[in-house]
Every structure is written in C-alpha cells, then in structure tokens.
C-alpha cells in the first residue's frame, strides 16, 4: 500500500513538472508592424538601410563565411530601419532563414547568430543567439555590444559592423575551439 501511495505521489509530481514547462517557440513570423524579413542570398551582411560601404559588406561576409565553412556558426548581420520589436524580429528572422540548422552547414543545429543594427533607434544593436551556442552568453556578446556602440552611436556603421563581426568571430572561435 505504501508503495502505491509513493508511486501516485511521484507520478503527480512528475505530471505537475511537465505541465509547467513551456514548449520551444518556433515562431518565424515578422512581428506585427515591423518590416518584412530580407532574404539571405549572397551575403551574410544585409544592408537594407544603405549605410554600409561595399568594403565593409565584403569583409564582414568573408569573416562570416569562414565561420560557416569551419562549422562553427552561421552569423548574419542585418542593418534595417523601422524595426519596433527588435528582440522578436531578430529571433524570428534567424528561424525564418534557418540559421545554423543541422544538416545545412554547422553540425548540432541552431548554431546561428543574428545581429540586428537599427540606425533609426536609440538602442541600435540587438542580438539573437541560437540554442546550439550555449557557451556564447551575455558576458561574451555584452562586451562586443559595448565596444561597437561607440561606433554606432556616432553613425559609424562601417566601424560598428566590422567590430561586431570581428569580435564575434574571435569569441566564437575561442569558445568552440577552431582557429582561423
């Protein structure tokens, strides 16, 4: 009888724990009122705002492509105006373009990073990190954001984007063990 009671109590506790867990949000929709997602076609650096030089786009793309080629991560930088829900926009965009999905390039899946740069906002940079990069935390990208904001706040978008891409590359390689 005691065993039966303990079994019922244990089953109840387990059922209660599972009821409280929220499922992974697979949303890939553009947040209401925000601009449409740009396609990820020929470059990892997408300048919808027209503020980056061709040299910055080329250099940033080269670094991001090397991260993908080395199987570390897929990093996209999107420069866009008019985004009102930056956290959701960046996260949903990463899912929409399927950054870092297993079988596409990086083993393990969800190894994507989206940097959203908003030239028309007070808080100009937002990051979304895929679940496949658990060691890349706020203590890593917070420093990158602080270093880049000095450029971005003075409208030096070339300097800010290159700082973001170079430092993201450096830190991801330190964390995940593959050097240039």
Protein backbone atom coordinates (compact mmCIF):
# COMPACT_ATOMS: atom_id res chain seq x y z
CA UNK A 1 0.00 0.00 0.00
CA UNK A 2 2.82 2.41 0.87
CA UNK A 3 4.49 1.78 -2.48
CA UNK A 4 1.27 2.55 -4.29
CA UNK A 5 0.89 5.82 -2.42
CA UNK A 6 4.51 6.82 -3.17
CA UNK A 7 4.05 5.87 -6.82
CA UNK A 8 0.95 8.08 -7.06
CA UNK A 9 2.75 10.97 -5.35
CA UNK A 10 5.75 10.62 -7.66
CA UNK A 11 3.55 10.41 -10.76
CA UNK A 12 1.64 13.52 -9.65
CA UNK A 13 4.85 15.46 -9.10
CA UNK A 14 6.23 14.47 -12.49
CA UNK A 15 2.99 15.36 -14.23
CA UNK A 16 2.95 18.74 -12.47
CA UNK A 17 6.52 19.49 -13.53
CA UNK A 18 5.78 18.71 -17.16
CA UNK A 19 2.61 20.80 -17.17
CA UNK A 20 4.58 23.91 -16.22
CA UNK A 21 7.19 23.73 -18.96
CA UNK A 22 6.67 25.96 -21.94
CA UNK A 23 7.39 24.45 -25.34
CA UNK A 24 10.05 25.93 -27.61
CA UNK A 25 8.55 28.80 -29.59
CA UNK A 26 9.03 28.03 -33.29
CA UNK A 27 7.59 31.37 -34.49
CA UNK A 28 9.00 32.60 -37.80
CA UNK A 29 6.55 35.43 -38.42
CA UNK A 30 7.53 39.08 -38.79
CA UNK A 31 6.34 40.87 -35.63
CA UNK A 32 3.27 43.00 -36.29
CA UNK A 33 4.17 46.45 -37.60
CA UNK A 34 7.78 45.57 -38.39
CA UNK A 35 9.40 45.47 -41.84
CA UNK A 36 9.47 42.22 -43.79
CA UNK A 37 12.43 39.91 -43.45
CA UNK A 38 15.05 40.35 -46.18
CA UNK A 39 16.22 37.16 -47.87
CA UNK A 40 19.65 35.81 -47.03
CA UNK A 41 21.02 35.41 -50.53
CA UNK A 42 24.58 36.31 -51.48
CA UNK A 43 25.97 37.82 -48.29
CA UNK A 44 25.85 37.33 -44.53
CA UNK A 45 25.80 41.14 -44.22
CA UNK A 46 22.45 42.61 -45.29
CA UNK A 47 22.30 46.39 -45.52
CA UNK A 48 18.64 47.31 -46.03
CA UNK A 49 19.34 50.82 -44.68
CA UNK A 50 22.05 51.65 -47.22
CA UNK A 51 24.59 52.79 -44.61
CA UNK A 52 27.45 50.33 -45.19
CA UNK A 53 30.28 50.58 -47.69
CA UNK A 54 30.85 47.75 -50.18
CA UNK A 55 34.22 47.10 -48.48
CA UNK A 56 32.53 46.55 -45.10
CA UNK A 57 29.96 44.21 -46.60
CA UNK A 58 32.69 42.25 -48.38
CA UNK A 59 34.98 41.98 -45.34
CA UNK A 60 32.11 41.09 -42.99
CA UNK A 61 30.82 38.48 -45.43
CA UNK A 62 34.27 36.92 -45.73
CA UNK A 63 34.57 36.53 -41.95
CA UNK A 64 31.04 35.15 -41.55
CA UNK A 65 31.55 32.72 -44.44
CA UNK A 66 34.71 31.39 -42.78
CA UNK A 67 32.73 30.76 -39.58
CA UNK A 68 30.26 28.72 -41.60
CA UNK A 69 32.96 26.92 -43.60
CA UNK A 70 34.68 25.92 -40.36
CA UNK A 71 31.41 24.53 -38.97
CA UNK A 72 31.33 26.89 -36.00
CA UNK A 73 28.26 29.06 -36.60
CA UNK A 74 26.24 31.00 -39.12
CA UNK A 75 26.32 34.70 -38.33
CA UNK A 76 24.13 37.21 -40.13
CA UNK A 77 24.15 40.98 -39.65
CA UNK A 78 21.06 42.86 -40.77
CA UNK A 79 21.04 46.66 -40.89
CA UNK A 80 17.45 47.85 -41.10
CA UNK A 81 15.29 50.80 -40.18
CA UNK A 82 11.78 50.69 -38.76
CA UNK A 83 12.03 47.61 -36.53
CA UNK A 84 9.91 48.22 -33.43
CA UNK A 85 10.23 44.77 -31.83
CA UNK A 86 13.97 44.09 -32.21
CA UNK A 87 14.29 41.04 -29.94
CA UNK A 88 11.41 39.20 -31.57
CA UNK A 89 12.39 40.37 -35.05
CA UNK A 90 15.98 39.10 -34.73
CA UNK A 91 14.93 35.78 -33.19
CA UNK A 92 12.17 35.13 -35.71
CA UNK A 93 14.47 36.14 -38.57
CA UNK A 94 17.09 33.59 -37.51
CA UNK A 95 14.43 30.89 -37.51
CA UNK A 96 12.94 32.11 -40.80
CA UNK A 97 16.25 31.85 -42.68
CA UNK A 98 17.06 28.66 -40.76
CA UNK A 99 20.42 29.87 -39.46
CA UNK A 100 22.65 27.15 -38.11
CA UNK A 101 20.25 24.29 -38.75
CA UNK A 102 21.68 20.78 -38.56
CA UNK A 103 22.37 19.39 -41.99
CA UNK A 104 22.68 22.76 -43.68
CA UNK A 105 26.17 23.66 -42.55
CA UNK A 106 27.02 23.51 -38.87
CA UNK A 107 26.70 20.25 -37.01
CA UNK A 108 24.48 20.16 -33.97
CA UNK A 109 21.87 22.63 -35.18
CA UNK A 110 20.68 26.05 -34.04
CA UNK A 111 24.21 27.44 -34.32
CA UNK A 112 23.00 30.76 -35.63
CA UNK A 113 23.58 34.35 -34.52
CA UNK A 114 21.63 37.34 -35.79
CA UNK A 115 22.90 40.83 -35.16
CA UNK A 116 20.24 43.46 -35.91
CA UNK A 117 21.51 47.01 -36.32
CA UNK A 118 18.86 49.77 -36.31
CA UNK A 119 20.21 53.15 -37.46
CA UNK A 120 16.95 54.90 -36.51
CA UNK A 121 16.71 53.64 -32.91
CA UNK A 122 18.16 54.74 -29.59
CA UNK A 123 19.26 51.17 -28.83
CA UNK A 124 20.88 50.36 -32.12
CA UNK A 125 22.05 46.77 -31.69
CA UNK A 126 20.20 43.59 -30.84
CA UNK A 127 21.47 40.03 -30.86
CA UNK A 128 19.72 36.68 -31.07
CA UNK A 129 21.77 33.56 -30.34
CA UNK A 130 20.64 30.07 -31.28
CA UNK A 131 20.38 27.34 -28.67
CA UNK A 132 23.25 25.47 -30.29
CA UNK A 133 25.71 28.06 -28.97
CA UNK A 134 25.14 27.81 -25.21
CA UNK A 135 28.64 28.99 -24.26
CA UNK A 136 28.22 32.25 -26.22
CA UNK A 137 26.50 34.25 -23.48
CA UNK A 138 25.77 37.82 -22.48
CA UNK A 139 29.19 38.01 -20.84
CA UNK A 140 30.64 37.49 -24.34
CA UNK A 141 28.35 39.48 -26.59
CA UNK A 142 27.75 42.20 -24.00
CA UNK A 143 31.38 43.25 -24.35
CA UNK A 144 31.05 43.19 -28.14
CA UNK A 145 27.94 45.38 -27.93
CA UNK A 146 29.68 47.86 -25.65
CA UNK A 147 32.67 48.12 -27.99
CA UNK A 148 30.51 48.51 -31.10
CA UNK A 149 28.10 51.08 -29.67
CA UNK A 150 30.85 53.70 -29.61
CA UNK A 151 30.94 53.44 -33.41
CA UNK A 152 27.21 53.03 -33.96
CA UNK A 153 26.16 55.92 -31.73
CA UNK A 154 28.26 58.25 -33.87
CA UNK A 155 26.79 56.84 -37.10
CA UNK A 156 29.99 54.99 -37.97
CA UNK A 157 28.11 51.91 -39.11
CA UNK A 158 31.07 50.51 -41.03
CA UNK A 159 33.23 50.58 -37.90
CA UNK A 160 30.44 49.20 -35.72
CA UNK A 161 29.56 46.30 -38.01
CA UNK A 162 33.20 45.33 -38.53
CA UNK A 163 33.78 45.45 -34.75
CA UNK A 164 30.75 43.19 -34.22
CA UNK A 165 31.74 40.69 -36.90
CA UNK A 166 35.44 40.52 -35.98
CA UNK A 167 34.81 40.21 -32.24
CA UNK A 168 32.01 37.67 -32.70
CA UNK A 169 34.33 35.60 -34.89
CA UNK A 170 37.13 35.83 -32.33
CA UNK A 171 34.95 34.89 -29.37
CA UNK A 172 33.12 32.02 -31.11
CA UNK A 173 36.48 30.54 -32.14
CA UNK A 174 37.78 30.84 -28.57
CA UNK A 175 34.66 29.12 -27.22
CA UNK A 176 34.27 26.41 -29.82
CA UNK A 177 37.93 25.63 -30.46
CA UNK A 178 38.53 26.19 -34.14
CA UNK A 179 41.06 28.80 -35.18
CA UNK A 180 41.47 30.58 -38.45
